[in-house]
Amino acid sequence: MNTKTFNSPYGRVISQHQIANVLESESTRQKCLLAAVSFLPGDVITSFNAGSTQSFATYLTIQIGSGKHITLLPEFVQYINHSCAPTAFFNTTTMELVCIIELKAGDEITFFYPSTEWEMAQPFVCNCESTECLQLINGASHLSVETLSKYKLTHFIMQQVKQKFSM
């Protein structure tokens, strides 16, 4: 694989997989997941399952229920970074990572963290540079229904939104 062709701030290949590759920035040591092949909207990028389940969130888990957070297998999907203009969605009902916009080989696979997280373990200031960037990412519970309606959300997050805003 020639990493010089990627339009990415990441440089060094950490691991290669049939559908994606983990790269690491030599300056920041931040990792990302880049598509190794092309995907169309609706394509299943990969199936995933729970490596472990716990009652609390960490920066490496996704939320699948109230007090239920999982680590991801295959492990390389844990390197999917956040974007306010995501390219993929973690469908926690089918346990599939689904492409939501066309991806070409070399494109970064990203997801919208509040699509799976009601409260973030580690809120952060986003630097995705999307024209629709939300700036502070701290979980779906902190966003309006109007903002959330722009994103594909897990079944759990949709239930939480309905419960919060039906009062």
N, C-alpha and C. Protein backbone atom coordinates (compact mmCIF):
# COMPACT_ATOMS: atom_id res chain seq x y z
N MET A 1 0.84 -1.18 0.00
CA MET A 1 0.00 0.00 0.00
C MET A 1 0.88 1.24 0.00
N ASN A 2 0.56 2.20 -0.82
CA ASN A 2 1.32 3.43 -0.89
C ASN A 2 0.57 4.52 -0.13
N THR A 3 1.02 4.83 1.08
CA THR A 3 0.31 5.80 1.91
C THR A 3 0.45 7.22 1.39
N LYS A 4 1.39 7.48 0.49
CA LYS A 4 1.57 8.83 -0.04
C LYS A 4 0.39 9.26 -0.89
N THR A 5 -0.41 8.34 -1.38
CA THR A 5 -1.56 8.70 -2.21
C THR A 5 -2.76 9.13 -1.36
N PHE A 6 -2.72 8.92 -0.07
CA PHE A 6 -3.85 9.28 0.79
C PHE A 6 -3.87 10.76 1.09
N ASN A 7 -5.04 11.35 1.00
CA ASN A 7 -5.24 12.74 1.38
C ASN A 7 -5.54 12.74 2.88
N SER A 8 -4.51 12.62 3.67
CA SER A 8 -4.68 12.45 5.10
C SER A 8 -3.45 12.98 5.83
N PRO A 9 -3.65 13.49 7.05
CA PRO A 9 -2.49 13.92 7.83
C PRO A 9 -1.73 12.74 8.44
N TYR A 10 -2.20 11.53 8.18
CA TYR A 10 -1.62 10.34 8.77
C TYR A 10 -0.60 9.76 7.81
N GLY A 11 0.43 9.14 8.35
CA GLY A 11 1.47 8.67 7.48
C GLY A 11 1.84 7.22 7.59
N ARG A 12 2.15 6.75 8.76
CA ARG A 12 2.72 5.42 8.93
C ARG A 12 1.63 4.37 9.07
N VAL A 13 1.71 3.30 8.27
CA VAL A 13 0.75 2.20 8.36
C VAL A 13 1.05 1.39 9.62
N ILE A 14 0.03 1.24 10.47
CA ILE A 14 0.15 0.46 11.70
C ILE A 14 -0.30 -0.98 11.45
N SER A 15 -1.44 -1.12 10.75
CA SER A 15 -1.93 -2.45 10.42
C SER A 15 -2.76 -2.39 9.15
N GLN A 16 -2.71 -3.47 8.39
CA GLN A 16 -3.46 -3.56 7.14
C GLN A 16 -4.50 -4.67 7.26
N HIS A 17 -5.68 -4.38 6.74
CA HIS A 17 -6.79 -5.33 6.78
C HIS A 17 -7.42 -5.34 5.39
N GLN A 18 -8.20 -6.33 5.11
CA GLN A 18 -8.77 -6.46 3.78
C GLN A 18 -9.58 -5.24 3.37
N ILE A 19 -10.32 -4.65 4.31
CA ILE A 19 -11.22 -3.55 3.96
C ILE A 19 -10.72 -2.18 4.39
N ALA A 20 -9.75 -2.14 5.30
CA ALA A 20 -9.29 -0.84 5.82
C ALA A 20 -7.90 -0.99 6.43
N ASN A 21 -7.24 0.16 6.60
CA ASN A 21 -5.91 0.18 7.16
C ASN A 21 -5.82 1.23 8.26
N VAL A 22 -5.11 0.90 9.32
CA VAL A 22 -4.89 1.83 10.42
C VAL A 22 -3.58 2.56 10.14
N LEU A 23 -3.67 3.89 10.16
CA LEU A 23 -2.49 4.72 9.96
C LEU A 23 -2.27 5.57 11.20
N GLU A 24 -1.03 6.01 11.39
CA GLU A 24 -0.68 6.83 12.54
C GLU A 24 0.10 8.05 12.08
N SER A 25 -0.27 9.20 12.62
CA SER A 25 0.46 10.43 12.35
C SER A 25 1.81 10.33 13.05
N GLU A 26 2.86 10.61 12.32
CA GLU A 26 4.19 10.54 12.93
C GLU A 26 4.41 11.68 13.90
N SER A 27 3.72 12.81 13.71
CA SER A 27 3.92 13.95 14.60
C SER A 27 3.04 13.89 15.85
N THR A 28 1.76 13.49 15.69
CA THR A 28 0.84 13.52 16.83
C THR A 28 0.60 12.14 17.45
N ARG A 29 0.94 11.09 16.73
CA ARG A 29 0.69 9.70 17.14
C ARG A 29 -0.79 9.35 17.12
N GLN A 30 -1.64 10.25 16.61
CA GLN A 30 -3.07 9.95 16.49
C GLN A 30 -3.26 8.96 15.35
N LYS A 31 -4.20 8.04 15.55
CA LYS A 31 -4.46 7.00 14.55
C LYS A 31 -5.79 7.26 13.85
N CYS A 32 -5.93 6.68 12.67
CA CYS A 32 -7.18 6.77 11.92
C CYS A 32 -7.36 5.50 11.13
N LEU A 33 -8.57 5.30 10.62
CA LEU A 33 -8.88 4.15 9.80
C LEU A 33 -9.22 4.65 8.39
N LEU A 34 -8.47 4.18 7.40
CA LEU A 34 -8.71 4.56 6.02
C LEU A 34 -9.23 3.35 5.24
N ALA A 35 -10.20 3.61 4.39
CA ALA A 35 -10.74 2.54 3.54
C ALA A 35 -9.64 2.01 2.64
N ALA A 36 -9.55 0.70 2.51
CA ALA A 36 -8.60 0.06 1.60
C ALA A 36 -9.26 -0.25 0.25
N VAL A 37 -10.59 -0.23 0.24
CA VAL A 37 -11.37 -0.45 -0.98
C VAL A 37 -12.51 0.57 -0.99
N SER A 38 -13.20 0.66 -2.09
CA SER A 38 -14.32 1.60 -2.21
C SER A 38 -15.60 1.01 -1.63
N PHE A 39 -16.45 1.89 -1.11
CA PHE A 39 -17.76 1.50 -0.57
C PHE A 39 -18.80 2.50 -1.05
N LEU A 40 -20.01 2.01 -1.25
CA LEU A 40 -21.14 2.86 -1.62
C LEU A 40 -22.08 2.99 -0.42
N PRO A 41 -22.90 4.04 -0.37
CA PRO A 41 -23.86 4.17 0.73
C PRO A 41 -24.71 2.91 0.85
N GLY A 42 -24.84 2.42 2.06
CA GLY A 42 -25.60 1.20 2.33
C GLY A 42 -24.74 -0.04 2.40
N ASP A 43 -23.52 0.01 1.87
CA ASP A 43 -22.62 -1.14 1.95
C ASP A 43 -22.23 -1.41 3.40
N VAL A 44 -22.17 -2.67 3.75
CA VAL A 44 -21.64 -3.05 5.06
C VAL A 44 -20.12 -3.06 4.93
N ILE A 45 -19.48 -2.19 5.68
CA ILE A 45 -18.02 -2.12 5.66
C ILE A 45 -17.45 -3.34 6.37
N THR A 46 -18.01 -3.63 7.54
CA THR A 46 -17.61 -4.82 8.29
C THR A 46 -18.65 -5.09 9.37
N SER A 47 -18.76 -6.34 9.74
CA SER A 47 -19.53 -6.69 10.93
C SER A 47 -18.62 -6.47 12.13
N PHE A 48 -19.21 -6.27 13.29
CA PHE A 48 -18.42 -6.13 14.51
C PHE A 48 -19.15 -6.82 15.64
N ASN A 49 -18.44 -7.06 16.71
CA ASN A 49 -19.08 -7.60 17.92
C ASN A 49 -18.39 -7.04 19.14
N ALA A 50 -18.89 -7.43 20.28
CA ALA A 50 -18.37 -6.92 21.54
C ALA A 50 -17.15 -7.72 21.98
N GLY A 51 -16.05 -7.01 22.19
CA GLY A 51 -14.88 -7.65 22.78
C GLY A 51 -15.12 -7.85 24.26
N SER A 52 -15.72 -6.83 24.87
CA SER A 52 -16.12 -6.90 26.28
C SER A 52 -17.29 -5.94 26.47
N THR A 53 -18.03 -6.14 27.54
CA THR A 53 -19.16 -5.29 27.88
C THR A 53 -18.92 -4.75 29.27
N GLN A 54 -19.22 -3.47 29.46
CA GLN A 54 -19.05 -2.86 30.78
C GLN A 54 -20.15 -1.84 31.03
N SER A 55 -20.27 -1.40 32.27
CA SER A 55 -21.35 -0.50 32.66
C SER A 55 -21.01 0.98 32.49
N PHE A 56 -19.80 1.28 32.07
CA PHE A 56 -19.37 2.68 31.95
C PHE A 56 -18.69 2.91 30.60
N ALA A 57 -18.75 4.16 30.17
CA ALA A 57 -18.15 4.54 28.89
C ALA A 57 -16.66 4.82 29.05
N THR A 58 -15.91 4.53 28.01
CA THR A 58 -14.53 4.99 27.89
C THR A 58 -14.38 5.55 26.48
N TYR A 59 -13.23 6.11 26.19
CA TYR A 59 -13.03 6.65 24.84
C TYR A 59 -12.93 5.55 23.78
N LEU A 60 -12.83 4.30 24.19
CA LEU A 60 -12.73 3.19 23.25
C LEU A 60 -14.00 2.34 23.15
N THR A 61 -15.09 2.76 23.82
CA THR A 61 -16.31 1.96 23.78
C THR A 61 -17.38 2.67 22.96
N ILE A 62 -18.40 1.89 22.57
CA ILE A 62 -19.62 2.48 22.04
C ILE A 62 -20.77 1.98 22.92
N GLN A 63 -21.79 2.83 23.03
CA GLN A 63 -22.91 2.53 23.91
C GLN A 63 -23.98 1.77 23.14
N ILE A 64 -24.44 0.66 23.73
CA ILE A 64 -25.49 -0.13 23.08
C ILE A 64 -26.76 -0.19 23.92
N GLY A 65 -26.72 0.41 25.11
CA GLY A 65 -27.89 0.44 25.98
C GLY A 65 -27.59 1.25 27.21
N SER A 66 -28.60 1.42 28.05
CA SER A 66 -28.41 2.17 29.28
C SER A 66 -27.44 1.41 30.18
N GLY A 67 -26.31 2.03 30.50
CA GLY A 67 -25.29 1.37 31.31
C GLY A 67 -24.64 0.18 30.63
N LYS A 68 -24.66 0.16 29.28
CA LYS A 68 -24.09 -0.97 28.54
C LYS A 68 -23.21 -0.43 27.41
N HIS A 69 -21.91 -0.63 27.57
CA HIS A 69 -20.92 -0.13 26.63
C HIS A 69 -20.02 -1.29 26.21
N ILE A 70 -19.66 -1.32 24.91
CA ILE A 70 -18.84 -2.43 24.43
C ILE A 70 -17.54 -1.93 23.83
N THR A 71 -16.50 -2.75 23.97
CA THR A 71 -15.31 -2.55 23.17
C THR A 71 -15.55 -3.27 21.85
N LEU A 72 -14.84 -2.88 20.83
CA LEU A 72 -15.13 -3.37 19.49
C LEU A 72 -14.15 -4.43 19.00
N LEU A 73 -14.71 -5.44 18.35
CA LEU A 73 -13.95 -6.43 17.60
C LEU A 73 -14.56 -6.49 16.22
N PRO A 74 -13.81 -6.50 15.15
CA PRO A 74 -12.37 -6.54 15.14
C PRO A 74 -11.78 -5.25 15.71
N GLU A 75 -10.64 -5.40 16.34
CA GLU A 75 -10.02 -4.29 17.07
C GLU A 75 -9.73 -3.07 16.20
N PHE A 76 -9.44 -3.27 14.92
CA PHE A 76 -9.07 -2.13 14.08
C PHE A 76 -10.19 -1.10 13.94
N VAL A 77 -11.47 -1.48 14.16
CA VAL A 77 -12.55 -0.50 14.04
C VAL A 77 -12.55 0.51 15.18
N GLN A 78 -11.79 0.24 16.24
CA GLN A 78 -11.71 1.22 17.33
C GLN A 78 -10.98 2.50 16.89
N TYR A 79 -10.34 2.47 15.74
CA TYR A 79 -9.60 3.64 15.27
C TYR A 79 -10.41 4.55 14.36
N ILE A 80 -11.72 4.34 14.33
CA ILE A 80 -12.59 5.23 13.56
C ILE A 80 -12.79 6.51 14.37
N ASN A 81 -12.38 7.61 13.78
CA ASN A 81 -12.47 8.91 14.44
C ASN A 81 -13.83 9.56 14.23
N HIS A 82 -14.09 10.58 15.02
CA HIS A 82 -15.32 11.35 14.93
C HIS A 82 -15.26 12.33 13.76
N SER A 83 -16.42 12.60 13.19
CA SER A 83 -16.61 13.72 12.27
C SER A 83 -18.05 14.17 12.36
N CYS A 84 -18.26 15.46 12.25
CA CYS A 84 -19.62 16.00 12.18
C CYS A 84 -20.21 15.79 10.79
N ALA A 85 -19.39 15.31 9.85
CA ALA A 85 -19.83 14.89 8.51
C ALA A 85 -19.36 13.45 8.34
N PRO A 86 -20.00 12.51 9.04
CA PRO A 86 -19.51 11.12 9.08
C PRO A 86 -19.63 10.39 7.75
N THR A 87 -18.78 9.38 7.60
CA THR A 87 -18.81 8.55 6.41
C THR A 87 -19.41 7.17 6.69
N ALA A 88 -19.56 6.84 7.97
CA ALA A 88 -20.06 5.51 8.35
C ALA A 88 -20.92 5.61 9.61
N PHE A 89 -21.64 4.53 9.88
CA PHE A 89 -22.56 4.46 11.01
C PHE A 89 -22.44 3.09 11.66
N PHE A 90 -22.31 3.06 12.98
CA PHE A 90 -22.31 1.81 13.73
C PHE A 90 -23.76 1.42 14.00
N ASN A 91 -24.27 0.44 13.25
CA ASN A 91 -25.62 -0.06 13.49
C ASN A 91 -25.49 -1.10 14.60
N THR A 92 -25.86 -0.72 15.80
CA THR A 92 -25.70 -1.61 16.95
C THR A 92 -26.83 -2.64 17.06
N THR A 93 -27.85 -2.52 16.22
CA THR A 93 -28.91 -3.52 16.16
C THR A 93 -28.44 -4.73 15.36
N THR A 94 -27.83 -4.45 14.20
CA THR A 94 -27.34 -5.53 13.34
C THR A 94 -25.86 -5.84 13.57
N MET A 95 -25.20 -5.00 14.37
CA MET A 95 -23.76 -5.11 14.65
C MET A 95 -22.97 -5.05 13.34
N GLU A 96 -23.27 -4.01 12.56
CA GLU A 96 -22.58 -3.77 11.30
C GLU A 96 -22.16 -2.31 11.21
N LEU A 97 -20.97 -2.09 10.66
CA LEU A 97 -20.52 -0.76 10.33
C LEU A 97 -20.95 -0.52 8.89
N VAL A 98 -21.79 0.50 8.68
CA VAL A 98 -22.43 0.73 7.39
C VAL A 98 -21.92 2.04 6.79
N CYS A 99 -21.60 2.00 5.51
CA CYS A 99 -21.17 3.20 4.78
C CYS A 99 -22.38 4.10 4.58
N ILE A 100 -22.22 5.42 4.82
CA ILE A 100 -23.34 6.34 4.61
C ILE A 100 -23.09 7.35 3.50
N ILE A 101 -21.83 7.52 3.09
CA ILE A 101 -21.53 8.30 1.89
C ILE A 101 -20.47 7.53 1.11
N GLU A 102 -20.38 7.79 -0.16
CA GLU A 102 -19.41 7.05 -0.98
C GLU A 102 -17.99 7.23 -0.43
N LEU A 103 -17.30 6.13 -0.30
CA LEU A 103 -15.91 6.12 0.14
C LEU A 103 -15.05 5.51 -0.96
N LYS A 104 -13.94 6.13 -1.22
CA LYS A 104 -12.97 5.57 -2.15
C LYS A 104 -11.79 5.06 -1.32
N ALA A 105 -11.03 4.14 -1.88
CA ALA A 105 -9.83 3.66 -1.19
C ALA A 105 -8.97 4.86 -0.83
N GLY A 106 -8.56 4.92 0.43
CA GLY A 106 -7.76 6.04 0.92
C GLY A 106 -8.54 7.08 1.69
N ASP A 107 -9.89 7.05 1.59
CA ASP A 107 -10.72 7.98 2.36
C ASP A 107 -10.79 7.53 3.81
N GLU A 108 -10.85 8.51 4.71
CA GLU A 108 -10.97 8.18 6.13
C GLU A 108 -12.39 7.74 6.45
N ILE A 109 -12.49 6.67 7.22
CA ILE A 109 -13.78 6.19 7.72
C ILE A 109 -14.01 6.89 9.06
N THR A 110 -15.12 7.62 9.17
CA THR A 110 -15.43 8.37 10.38
C THR A 110 -16.87 8.08 10.81
N PHE A 111 -17.17 8.38 12.06
CA PHE A 111 -18.57 8.30 12.50
C PHE A 111 -18.87 9.45 13.44
N PHE A 112 -20.14 9.72 13.63
CA PHE A 112 -20.61 10.79 14.50
C PHE A 112 -20.75 10.22 15.90
N TYR A 113 -19.85 10.58 16.80
CA TYR A 113 -19.84 9.97 18.13
C TYR A 113 -21.19 10.03 18.85
N PRO A 114 -21.91 11.18 18.82
CA PRO A 114 -23.22 11.17 19.49
C PRO A 114 -24.25 10.21 18.88
N SER A 115 -23.95 9.62 17.74
CA SER A 115 -24.89 8.64 17.17
C SER A 115 -24.94 7.38 18.01
N THR A 116 -23.91 7.16 18.84
CA THR A 116 -23.88 5.98 19.72
C THR A 116 -23.75 6.35 21.19
N GLU A 117 -23.44 7.59 21.49
CA GLU A 117 -23.13 7.98 22.88
C GLU A 117 -24.13 9.01 23.42
N TRP A 118 -24.81 8.64 24.49
CA TRP A 118 -25.71 9.58 25.15
C TRP A 118 -24.90 10.61 25.93
N GLU A 119 -23.90 10.16 26.65
CA GLU A 119 -22.95 11.01 27.37
C GLU A 119 -21.54 10.55 26.99
N MET A 120 -20.67 11.47 26.71
CA MET A 120 -19.30 11.11 26.33
C MET A 120 -18.43 10.92 27.58
N ALA A 121 -17.59 9.91 27.55
CA ALA A 121 -16.63 9.70 28.63
C ALA A 121 -15.61 10.83 28.65
N GLN A 122 -15.23 11.30 27.47
CA GLN A 122 -14.25 12.37 27.34
C GLN A 122 -14.73 13.37 26.28
N PRO A 123 -15.58 14.34 26.69
CA PRO A 123 -16.00 15.35 25.72
C PRO A 123 -14.76 16.06 25.15
N PHE A 124 -14.91 16.61 23.94
CA PHE A 124 -13.77 17.26 23.30
C PHE A 124 -14.24 18.34 22.34
N VAL A 125 -13.33 19.22 22.00
CA VAL A 125 -13.59 20.23 20.99
C VAL A 125 -13.24 19.59 19.65
N CYS A 126 -14.21 19.57 18.77
CA CYS A 126 -14.06 18.92 17.47
C CYS A 126 -13.19 19.78 16.55
N ASN A 127 -12.40 19.12 15.75
CA ASN A 127 -11.61 19.82 14.73
C ASN A 127 -11.79 19.16 13.37
N CYS A 128 -13.01 18.67 13.10
CA CYS A 128 -13.28 17.94 11.84
C CYS A 128 -13.28 18.85 10.63
N GLU A 129 -13.41 20.14 10.83
CA GLU A 129 -13.39 21.14 9.77
C GLU A 129 -14.58 21.05 8.82
N SER A 130 -15.62 20.31 9.19
CA SER A 130 -16.85 20.26 8.41
C SER A 130 -17.53 21.62 8.50
N THR A 131 -18.23 22.00 7.44
CA THR A 131 -18.97 23.27 7.47
C THR A 131 -20.08 23.24 8.50
N GLU A 132 -20.50 22.04 8.90
CA GLU A 132 -21.56 21.86 9.89
C GLU A 132 -20.99 21.45 11.26
N CYS A 133 -19.72 21.68 11.49
CA CYS A 133 -19.07 21.23 12.73
C CYS A 133 -19.80 21.78 13.96
N LEU A 134 -20.01 20.90 14.92
CA LEU A 134 -20.74 21.26 16.14
C LEU A 134 -19.83 21.84 17.22
N GLN A 135 -18.54 21.82 17.02
CA GLN A 135 -17.53 22.35 17.92
C GLN A 135 -17.31 21.48 19.16
N LEU A 136 -18.26 21.46 20.10
CA LEU A 136 -18.11 20.67 21.32
C LEU A 136 -18.88 19.37 21.17
N ILE A 137 -18.18 18.26 21.32
CA ILE A 137 -18.79 16.95 21.22
C ILE A 137 -18.84 16.34 22.62
N ASN A 138 -20.06 16.21 23.14
CA ASN A 138 -20.21 15.69 24.50
C ASN A 138 -21.42 14.78 24.66
N GLY A 139 -21.88 14.19 23.58
CA GLY A 139 -22.96 13.22 23.66
C GLY A 139 -24.27 13.74 23.13
N ALA A 140 -25.13 12.80 22.72
CA ALA A 140 -26.42 13.15 22.14
C ALA A 140 -27.32 13.88 23.13
N SER A 141 -27.18 13.63 24.41
CA SER A 141 -28.05 14.28 25.41
C SER A 141 -27.89 15.79 25.43
N HIS A 142 -26.81 16.30 24.88
CA HIS A 142 -26.53 17.74 24.88
C HIS A 142 -26.92 18.42 23.57
N LEU A 143 -27.52 17.67 22.66
CA LEU A 143 -27.88 18.22 21.36
C LEU A 143 -29.39 18.35 21.20
N SER A 144 -29.79 19.27 20.36
CA SER A 144 -31.22 19.48 20.11
C SER A 144 -31.76 18.39 19.19
N VAL A 145 -33.07 18.23 19.20
CA VAL A 145 -33.72 17.29 18.29
C VAL A 145 -33.43 17.71 16.85
N GLU A 146 -33.44 19.00 16.59
CA GLU A 146 -33.16 19.50 15.24
C GLU A 146 -31.77 19.07 14.77
N THR A 147 -30.78 19.21 15.63
CA THR A 147 -29.41 18.80 15.27
C THR A 147 -29.35 17.29 15.09
N LEU A 148 -29.91 16.54 16.03
CA LEU A 148 -29.85 15.08 15.96
C LEU A 148 -30.58 14.53 14.74
N SER A 149 -31.61 15.23 14.27
CA SER A 149 -32.38 14.75 13.12
C SER A 149 -31.56 14.75 11.83
N LYS A 150 -30.42 15.40 11.83
CA LYS A 150 -29.54 15.43 10.66
C LYS A 150 -28.66 14.19 10.56
N TYR A 151 -28.68 13.36 11.60
CA TYR A 151 -27.77 12.21 11.67
C TYR A 151 -28.52 10.90 11.80
N LYS A 152 -27.88 9.85 11.35
CA LYS A 152 -28.36 8.49 11.58
C LYS A 152 -27.97 8.14 13.02
N LEU A 153 -28.93 7.68 13.82
CA LEU A 153 -28.70 7.39 15.23
C LEU A 153 -29.01 5.93 15.52
N THR A 154 -28.34 5.37 16.51
CA THR A 154 -28.64 4.00 16.91
C THR A 154 -30.04 3.95 17.53
N HIS A 155 -30.58 2.76 17.58
CA HIS A 155 -31.89 2.56 18.19
C HIS A 155 -31.89 3.06 19.63
N PHE A 156 -30.85 2.75 20.38
CA PHE A 156 -30.76 3.20 21.77
C PHE A 156 -30.80 4.73 21.87
N ILE A 157 -30.02 5.41 21.06
CA ILE A 157 -29.99 6.88 21.12
C ILE A 157 -31.35 7.44 20.71
N MET A 158 -31.99 6.86 19.68
CA MET A 158 -33.33 7.33 19.29
C MET A 158 -34.32 7.18 20.44
N GLN A 159 -34.25 6.07 21.18
CA GLN A 159 -35.12 5.87 22.35
C GLN A 159 -34.86 6.93 23.40
N GLN A 160 -33.60 7.23 23.65
CA GLN A 160 -33.24 8.23 24.65
C GLN A 160 -33.75 9.61 24.25
N VAL A 161 -33.64 9.95 22.98
CA VAL A 161 -34.11 11.24 22.48
C VAL A 161 -35.62 11.33 22.65
N LYS A 162 -36.35 10.29 22.26
CA LYS A 162 -37.81 10.29 22.41
C LYS A 162 -38.22 10.47 23.87
N GLN A 163 -37.51 9.77 24.75
CA GLN A 163 -37.81 9.85 26.18
C GLN A 163 -37.52 11.26 26.71
N LYS A 164 -36.41 11.83 26.35
CA LYS A 164 -36.03 13.16 26.84
C LYS A 164 -36.98 14.25 26.36
N PHE A 165 -37.35 14.18 25.10
CA PHE A 165 -38.13 15.27 24.52
C PHE A 165 -39.63 15.04 24.54
N SER A 166 -40.10 13.92 25.10
CA SER A 166 -41.54 13.71 25.22
C SER A 166 -42.08 14.25 26.53
N MET A 167 -41.20 14.71 27.38
CA MET A 167 -41.63 15.24 28.69
C MET A 167 -42.14 16.64 28.57
